[in-house]
Amino acid sequence: MQSDYGMNWPLSDACWPTPWGTVNWHDLLGDELVAELKAWCDYFTRYSDYETGDFLPPGSKAQWEQRGRELAQRLHEYVGDSFNIELLL
């Protein structure tokens, strides 16, 4: 799980857990968690400086990192051992 400049989704859509195709994250996670993951990416794009990586006020890197840890934990609770959730900050 990672956020980068211009990304609006932090999970890989290139997961192939079954022979039937890619993961439908929305169906798996539901509206609320999908919206929270998108908001986490938006926060990064909105408040971090693409040249220095610093967060610009009112943004906070510590707050963004903590939210990422919380979301990664929730993701793990949703998907269990079906996927390896690794948070890249």
C-alpha atoms as a PDB file:
ATOM      1  CA  MET A   1       0.000   0.000   0.000  1.00  0.00           C
ATOM      2  CA  GLN A   2       1.504   3.306  -1.023  1.00  0.00           C
ATOM      3  CA  SER A   3       0.635   6.782  -2.090  1.00  0.00           C
ATOM      4  CA  ASP A   4       2.551   8.723  -4.687  1.00  0.00           C
ATOM      5  CA  TYR A   5       2.145  12.003  -6.514  1.00  0.00           C
ATOM      6  CA  GLY A   6      -0.939  12.008  -8.694  1.00  0.00           C
ATOM      7  CA  MET A   7      -2.097   8.561  -7.540  1.00  0.00           C
ATOM      8  CA  ASN A   8      -5.682   8.279  -6.370  1.00  0.00           C
ATOM      9  CA  TRP A   9      -5.529   4.624  -5.336  1.00  0.00           C
ATOM     10  CA  PRO A  10      -2.909   3.074  -3.020  1.00  0.00           C
ATOM     11  CA  LEU A  11      -3.375  -0.609  -3.833  1.00  0.00           C
ATOM     12  CA  SER A  12      -2.078  -2.570  -6.773  1.00  0.00           C
ATOM     13  CA  ASP A  13      -4.680  -3.528  -9.330  1.00  0.00           C
ATOM     14  CA  ALA A  14      -2.230  -6.038 -10.748  1.00  0.00           C
ATOM     15  CA  CYS A  15      -2.997  -8.721  -8.162  1.00  0.00           C
ATOM     16  CA  TRP A  16      -3.998 -12.030  -9.686  1.00  0.00           C
ATOM     17  CA  PRO A  17      -5.197 -14.199  -6.790  1.00  0.00           C
ATOM     18  CA  THR A  18      -7.376 -16.386  -8.990  1.00  0.00           C
ATOM     19  CA  PRO A  19      -7.386 -17.479 -12.613  1.00  0.00           C
ATOM     20  CA  TRP A  20     -10.457 -15.256 -13.132  1.00  0.00           C
ATOM     21  CA  GLY A  21      -8.655 -11.918 -13.157  1.00  0.00           C
ATOM     22  CA  THR A  22      -7.841  -8.873 -11.105  1.00  0.00           C
ATOM     23  CA  VAL A  23      -9.175  -7.925  -7.695  1.00  0.00           C
ATOM     24  CA  ASN A  24     -12.345  -5.889  -7.483  1.00  0.00           C
ATOM     25  CA  TRP A  25     -11.210  -3.836  -4.487  1.00  0.00           C
ATOM     26  CA  HIS A  26     -14.468  -1.912  -4.277  1.00  0.00           C
ATOM     27  CA  ASP A  27     -16.580  -5.033  -3.854  1.00  0.00           C
ATOM     28  CA  LEU A  28     -14.066  -6.521  -1.433  1.00  0.00           C
ATOM     29  CA  LEU A  29     -13.650  -3.470   0.794  1.00  0.00           C
ATOM     30  CA  GLY A  30     -16.887  -1.513   0.492  1.00  0.00           C
ATOM     31  CA  ASP A  31     -17.658   2.157  -0.104  1.00  0.00           C
ATOM     32  CA  GLU A  32     -16.395   3.561   3.196  1.00  0.00           C
ATOM     33  CA  LEU A  33     -12.918   2.002   3.195  1.00  0.00           C
ATOM     34  CA  VAL A  34     -12.457   2.710  -0.519  1.00  0.00           C
ATOM     35  CA  ALA A  35     -13.277   6.385   0.121  1.00  0.00           C
ATOM     36  CA  GLU A  36     -10.862   6.522   3.056  1.00  0.00           C
ATOM     37  CA  LEU A  37      -8.034   5.011   1.000  1.00  0.00           C
ATOM     38  CA  LYS A  38      -8.640   7.527  -1.780  1.00  0.00           C
ATOM     39  CA  ALA A  39      -8.697  10.363   0.752  1.00  0.00           C
ATOM     40  CA  TRP A  40      -5.341   9.163   2.139  1.00  0.00           C
ATOM     41  CA  CYS A  41      -3.834   9.388  -1.359  1.00  0.00           C
ATOM     42  CA  ASP A  42      -5.424  12.781  -1.925  1.00  0.00           C
ATOM     43  CA  TYR A  43      -3.953  14.097   1.326  1.00  0.00           C
ATOM     44  CA  PHE A  44      -0.465  13.101   0.187  1.00  0.00           C
ATOM     45  CA  THR A  45      -0.865  14.733  -3.226  1.00  0.00           C
ATOM     46  CA  ARG A  46      -2.396  17.882  -1.780  1.00  0.00           C
ATOM     47  CA  TYR A  47       0.069  18.550   1.056  1.00  0.00           C
ATOM     48  CA  SER A  48       3.421  16.986   0.170  1.00  0.00           C
ATOM     49  CA  ASP A  49       6.005  18.811  -1.903  1.00  0.00           C
ATOM     50  CA  TYR A  50       7.006  16.669  -4.878  1.00  0.00           C
ATOM     51  CA  GLU A  51      10.564  18.016  -4.864  1.00  0.00           C
ATOM     52  CA  THR A  52      11.425  17.749  -1.169  1.00  0.00           C
ATOM     53  CA  GLY A  53       8.870  15.299   0.204  1.00  0.00           C
ATOM     54  CA  ASP A  54       8.080  17.758   2.989  1.00  0.00           C
ATOM     55  CA  PHE A  55       4.467  18.284   3.982  1.00  0.00           C
ATOM     56  CA  LEU A  56       3.136  21.798   3.626  1.00  0.00           C
ATOM     57  CA  PRO A  57       0.763  23.320   6.203  1.00  0.00           C
ATOM     58  CA  PRO A  58      -1.851  22.431   7.121  1.00  0.00           C
ATOM     59  CA  GLY A  59      -0.608  18.973   6.132  1.00  0.00           C
ATOM     60  CA  SER A  60       1.331  16.788   8.534  1.00  0.00           C
ATOM     61  CA  LYS A  61       3.606  13.909   7.562  1.00  0.00           C
ATOM     62  CA  ALA A  62       3.162  12.332  10.991  1.00  0.00           C
ATOM     63  CA  GLN A  63      -0.616  12.501  10.635  1.00  0.00           C
ATOM     64  CA  TRP A  64      -0.459  11.033   7.110  1.00  0.00           C
ATOM     65  CA  GLU A  65       1.826   8.201   8.269  1.00  0.00           C
ATOM     66  CA  GLN A  66      -0.394   7.394  11.264  1.00  0.00           C
ATOM     67  CA  ARG A  67      -3.476   7.319   9.050  1.00  0.00           C
ATOM     68  CA  GLY A  68      -1.632   4.999   6.677  1.00  0.00           C
ATOM     69  CA  ARG A  69      -0.848   2.598   9.532  1.00  0.00           C
ATOM     70  CA  GLU A  70      -4.498   2.639  10.621  1.00  0.00           C
ATOM     71  CA  LEU A  71      -5.738   1.965   7.087  1.00  0.00           C
ATOM     72  CA  ALA A  72      -3.204  -0.819   6.543  1.00  0.00           C
ATOM     73  CA  GLN A  73      -4.442  -2.497   9.739  1.00  0.00           C
ATOM     74  CA  ARG A  74      -8.065  -2.194   8.612  1.00  0.00           C
ATOM     75  CA  LEU A  75      -7.147  -3.617   5.221  1.00  0.00           C
ATOM     76  CA  HIS A  76      -5.511  -6.601   6.866  1.00  0.00           C
ATOM     77  CA  GLU A  77      -8.657  -7.142   8.941  1.00  0.00           C
ATOM     78  CA  TYR A  78     -10.757  -7.143   5.748  1.00  0.00           C
ATOM     79  CA  VAL A  79      -8.579  -9.383   3.591  1.00  0.00           C
ATOM     80  CA  GLY A  80      -6.897 -11.584   6.198  1.00  0.00           C
ATOM     81  CA  ASP A  81      -4.150 -13.701   4.720  1.00  0.00           C
ATOM     82  CA  SER A  82      -5.539 -13.506   1.180  1.00  0.00           C
ATOM     83  CA  PHE A  83      -3.224 -10.572   0.432  1.00  0.00           C
ATOM     84  CA  ASN A  84       0.034  -9.312   1.861  1.00  0.00           C
ATOM     85  CA  ILE A  85      -0.597  -5.737   2.982  1.00  0.00           C
ATOM     86  CA  GLU A  86       2.705  -3.881   3.144  1.00  0.00           C
ATOM     87  CA  LEU A  87       2.647  -0.176   3.943  1.00  0.00           C
ATOM     88  CA  LEU A  88       5.259   1.878   2.092  1.00  0.00           C
ATOM     89  CA  LEU A  89       5.665   5.360   3.565  1.00  0.00           C
END
